[in-house]
Amino acid sequence: MISLPVTASLTMPDLKFEQNAGGIVAGIDEVGRGPWAGPVVAAAVIIDRDQIPFCLSNSIDDSKKLSLVKREEIASRLPSCAKIGIGAATPNEIERLNILGATLKAMERAFNALPVKPDFALVDGNKMPALPCPAQNMIKGDSISLSIAAASIIAKVTRDRIMTKLSLRYPGYGWERNAGYGTTQHSKALRDIGLTPHHRQSFAPIIKILSLS
């Protein structure tokens, strides 16, 4: 297992790290470490370097830099030129494993959900999940690796859809807009409505809000 931190440059993500690694390379990223509710979701993406259209590769970036419409568009096009695996860890697992442990578990599940097994993995951040192949950590990898950036988009779109569906079952928290993050509406709903089974009860902001109720 290789773990060599790589820092981001100011350029758009590209495939040079994937090309240097050789073989089948997966990019892995996650979303949802900070919200007060919902799962943490990870994605693993293997881009077919011979099949991805230039116009698509040129539009892929860190999901946080893209609009909702752009993320949805890219996510809908990626399956035609990439293999995708998705994994998640529930709020109960977050409570049991802590958020870092749950994040790594979600990454492992995303890797294992891939339809083919990579020869190498590029993992966003500075912590390495348990993977059965050589891997490299990349700090701010979603800004420099196209595979990691694509994984960040898939993870973000997937998690937003989950939270939108949950908002129909648990109205009032604004999850269809805030994705479980700690907005004013979410804080007020916690005081007025209370906890749901999808809240992360050990998170300090929730403990503080409930102590005041």
Protein backbone atom coordinates (compact mmCIF):
# COMPACT_ATOMS: atom_id res chain seq x y z
CA MET A 1 0.00 0.00 0.00
CA ILE A 2 1.43 3.35 -1.08
CA SER A 3 0.40 6.52 0.73
CA LEU A 4 2.13 9.56 -0.72
CA PRO A 5 0.35 12.86 -0.06
CA VAL A 6 0.10 15.04 -3.16
CA THR A 7 -0.91 18.68 -2.98
CA ALA A 8 -3.12 20.35 -5.53
CA SER A 9 -2.10 22.92 -8.10
CA LEU A 10 -4.26 25.63 -9.61
CA THR A 11 -4.94 23.67 -12.80
CA MET A 12 -8.10 21.79 -13.76
CA PRO A 13 -8.13 18.07 -12.94
CA ASP A 14 -6.74 15.80 -15.64
CA LEU A 15 -5.64 12.20 -16.17
CA LYS A 16 -1.87 12.52 -15.72
CA PHE A 17 -1.86 10.70 -12.36
CA GLU A 18 -3.99 7.91 -13.81
CA GLN A 19 -1.68 7.62 -16.82
CA ASN A 20 1.41 7.56 -14.62
CA ALA A 21 -0.04 4.82 -12.44
CA GLY A 22 -0.87 2.63 -15.45
CA GLY A 23 -3.39 -0.17 -15.66
CA ILE A 24 -6.93 0.19 -14.35
CA VAL A 25 -7.07 3.16 -11.98
CA ALA A 26 -9.95 4.17 -9.73
CA GLY A 27 -10.47 7.58 -8.19
CA ILE A 28 -12.24 7.61 -4.80
CA ASP A 29 -13.89 10.50 -2.98
CA GLU A 30 -16.62 11.07 -0.41
CA VAL A 31 -19.19 13.65 0.57
CA GLY A 32 -21.16 14.25 3.75
CA ARG A 33 -18.69 14.38 6.61
CA GLY A 34 -20.01 17.68 7.95
CA PRO A 35 -23.83 17.43 7.87
CA TRP A 36 -25.89 16.88 11.01
CA ALA A 37 -28.04 14.21 9.36
CA GLY A 38 -27.90 11.51 6.72
CA PRO A 39 -25.24 9.08 5.55
CA VAL A 40 -21.72 9.72 4.39
CA VAL A 41 -21.48 8.64 0.74
CA ALA A 42 -18.42 7.67 -1.31
CA ALA A 43 -17.91 6.89 -4.96
CA ALA A 44 -15.19 5.09 -6.90
CA VAL A 45 -14.82 5.89 -10.60
CA ILE A 46 -12.70 4.24 -13.28
CA ILE A 47 -12.60 6.50 -16.33
CA ASP A 48 -12.10 4.88 -19.72
CA ARG A 49 -9.35 7.15 -20.97
CA ASP A 50 -10.02 6.15 -24.59
CA GLN A 51 -13.78 6.67 -24.44
CA ILE A 52 -14.38 9.84 -22.44
CA PRO A 53 -15.32 12.76 -24.75
CA PHE A 54 -13.10 15.81 -24.52
CA CYS A 55 -16.09 18.06 -23.82
CA LEU A 56 -17.00 15.92 -20.82
CA SER A 57 -13.48 15.58 -19.42
CA ASN A 58 -13.05 19.33 -19.82
CA SER A 59 -16.15 20.00 -17.69
CA ILE A 60 -15.35 17.69 -14.76
CA ASP A 61 -14.11 19.46 -11.64
CA ASP A 62 -14.39 19.32 -7.87
CA SER A 63 -18.12 18.95 -7.22
CA LYS A 64 -18.11 21.93 -4.85
CA LYS A 65 -17.14 24.19 -7.75
CA LEU A 66 -20.04 23.08 -9.97
CA SER A 67 -23.70 24.04 -10.02
CA LEU A 68 -26.38 21.48 -9.24
CA VAL A 69 -27.41 21.42 -12.92
CA LYS A 70 -23.84 20.83 -14.07
CA ARG A 71 -23.28 18.06 -11.52
CA GLU A 72 -26.45 16.29 -12.61
CA GLU A 73 -25.50 16.58 -16.27
CA ILE A 74 -22.02 15.15 -15.72
CA ALA A 75 -23.33 12.35 -13.49
CA SER A 76 -25.81 11.33 -16.19
CA ARG A 77 -23.06 11.13 -18.83
CA LEU A 78 -20.32 9.39 -16.85
CA PRO A 79 -21.77 5.83 -17.03
CA SER A 80 -21.18 5.82 -20.80
CA CYS A 81 -17.41 6.16 -20.33
CA ALA A 82 -16.67 5.08 -16.77
CA LYS A 83 -17.17 2.24 -14.30
CA ILE A 84 -18.79 3.44 -11.08
CA GLY A 85 -19.10 2.05 -7.56
CA ILE A 86 -21.04 3.71 -4.74
CA GLY A 87 -20.83 3.06 -1.00
CA ALA A 88 -22.32 4.65 2.10
CA ALA A 89 -22.19 4.51 5.88
CA THR A 90 -25.33 5.12 7.92
CA PRO A 91 -25.78 7.54 10.82
CA ASN A 92 -25.67 4.53 13.16
CA GLU A 93 -22.31 3.53 11.72
CA ILE A 94 -21.11 7.12 12.07
CA GLU A 95 -22.04 6.96 15.77
CA ARG A 96 -20.28 3.61 16.19
CA LEU A 97 -17.17 4.16 14.08
CA ASN A 98 -16.88 7.99 14.33
CA ILE A 99 -17.07 10.09 11.18
CA LEU A 100 -13.56 9.24 9.96
CA GLY A 101 -14.06 5.51 10.41
CA ALA A 102 -17.45 5.67 8.69
CA THR A 103 -15.97 7.67 5.81
CA LEU A 104 -13.25 5.09 5.24
CA LYS A 105 -15.86 2.32 5.41
CA ALA A 106 -17.95 4.07 2.75
CA MET A 107 -14.86 4.36 0.55
CA GLU A 108 -14.12 0.65 0.94
CA ARG A 109 -17.70 -0.18 -0.02
CA ALA A 110 -17.54 2.06 -3.08
CA PHE A 111 -14.32 0.36 -4.21
CA ASN A 112 -15.84 -3.10 -3.67
CA ALA A 113 -18.96 -2.08 -5.64
CA LEU A 114 -16.94 -1.48 -8.81
CA PRO A 115 -17.78 -3.98 -11.57
CA VAL A 116 -14.06 -4.50 -12.28
CA LYS A 117 -11.15 -4.52 -9.86
CA PRO A 118 -8.62 -1.72 -10.25
CA ASP A 119 -4.86 -2.18 -10.30
CA PHE A 120 -4.39 1.11 -8.45
CA ALA A 121 -6.49 3.67 -6.55
CA LEU A 122 -6.18 7.41 -6.11
CA VAL A 123 -7.86 8.46 -2.85
CA ASP A 124 -8.84 12.00 -1.97
CA GLY A 125 -7.53 13.28 1.36
CA ASN A 126 -4.78 12.11 3.70
CA LYS A 127 -6.35 8.98 5.17
CA MET A 128 -6.33 5.62 3.44
CA PRO A 129 -9.18 3.09 3.51
CA ALA A 130 -8.35 -0.61 3.56
CA LEU A 131 -8.05 -1.48 -0.13
CA PRO A 132 -6.83 -4.69 -1.79
CA CYS A 133 -4.58 -2.86 -4.26
CA PRO A 134 -1.81 -0.26 -4.20
CA ALA A 135 -3.16 3.23 -3.57
CA GLN A 136 -2.06 6.83 -3.23
CA ASN A 137 -3.52 9.61 -1.10
CA MET A 138 -4.01 12.95 -2.80
CA ILE A 139 -4.72 16.07 -0.76
CA LYS A 140 -7.37 18.07 -2.64
CA GLY A 141 -7.31 15.28 -5.19
CA ASP A 142 -10.66 16.37 -6.59
CA SER A 143 -8.90 19.47 -7.95
CA ILE A 144 -6.14 17.58 -9.79
CA SER A 145 -7.29 14.04 -10.62
CA LEU A 146 -10.10 13.63 -13.12
CA SER A 147 -11.10 10.27 -11.63
CA ILE A 148 -11.33 11.70 -8.11
CA ALA A 149 -13.23 14.76 -9.36
CA ALA A 150 -15.69 12.46 -11.13
CA ALA A 151 -16.07 10.44 -7.93
CA SER A 152 -16.78 13.64 -5.99
CA ILE A 153 -19.58 14.48 -8.44
CA ILE A 154 -21.15 11.02 -8.28
CA ALA A 155 -20.97 10.99 -4.48
CA LYS A 156 -22.48 14.48 -4.21
CA VAL A 157 -25.33 13.80 -6.65
CA THR A 158 -26.10 10.47 -4.97
CA ARG A 159 -26.16 11.93 -1.47
CA ASP A 160 -28.26 14.94 -2.47
CA ARG A 161 -30.84 12.60 -3.98
CA ILE A 162 -30.90 10.53 -0.79
CA MET A 163 -31.47 13.62 1.34
CA THR A 164 -34.20 14.88 -0.99
CA LYS A 165 -36.04 11.57 -0.63
CA LEU A 166 -35.62 11.66 3.14
CA SER A 167 -37.04 15.19 3.20
CA LEU A 168 -40.34 13.79 1.95
CA ARG A 169 -40.52 11.47 4.95
CA TYR A 170 -39.21 14.05 7.41
CA PRO A 171 -40.47 17.47 6.27
CA GLY A 172 -39.53 20.69 7.97
CA TYR A 173 -35.74 20.26 8.19
CA GLY A 174 -35.08 21.55 4.67
CA TRP A 175 -32.97 18.57 3.68
CA GLU A 176 -34.02 18.97 0.05
CA ARG A 177 -32.10 22.26 0.10
CA ASN A 178 -29.46 21.93 2.83
CA ALA A 179 -28.63 18.19 2.43
CA GLY A 180 -28.55 17.83 6.20
CA TYR A 181 -26.07 20.63 6.88
CA GLY A 182 -26.55 22.95 9.83
CA THR A 183 -28.64 25.77 8.39
CA THR A 184 -30.91 28.07 10.36
CA GLN A 185 -33.97 26.12 9.21
CA HIS A 186 -32.40 22.84 10.27
CA SER A 187 -31.52 24.23 13.70
CA LYS A 188 -35.05 25.58 14.22
CA ALA A 189 -36.61 22.28 13.15
CA LEU A 190 -34.46 20.39 15.63
CA ARG A 191 -35.77 22.59 18.42
CA ASP A 192 -39.39 22.50 17.21
CA ILE A 193 -39.70 18.95 15.87
CA GLY A 194 -36.81 17.05 17.46
CA LEU A 195 -34.48 14.34 16.27
CA THR A 196 -35.09 11.81 13.52
CA PRO A 197 -33.41 8.39 13.18
CA HIS A 198 -31.17 9.98 10.55
CA HIS A 199 -29.58 12.57 12.81
CA ARG A 200 -26.01 12.16 14.04
CA GLN A 201 -26.67 12.41 17.75
CA SER A 202 -23.03 12.60 18.82
CA PHE A 203 -22.31 15.71 16.71
CA ALA A 204 -21.62 18.68 18.99
CA PRO A 205 -24.05 21.16 17.33
CA ILE A 206 -26.95 18.76 17.79
CA ILE A 207 -26.02 18.08 21.41
CA LYS A 208 -25.89 21.83 22.04
CA ILE A 209 -29.23 22.55 20.36
CA LEU A 210 -31.00 19.76 22.22
CA SER A 211 -29.51 20.85 25.55
CA LEU A 212 -31.23 24.22 25.09
CA SER A 213 -34.65 22.78 24.33
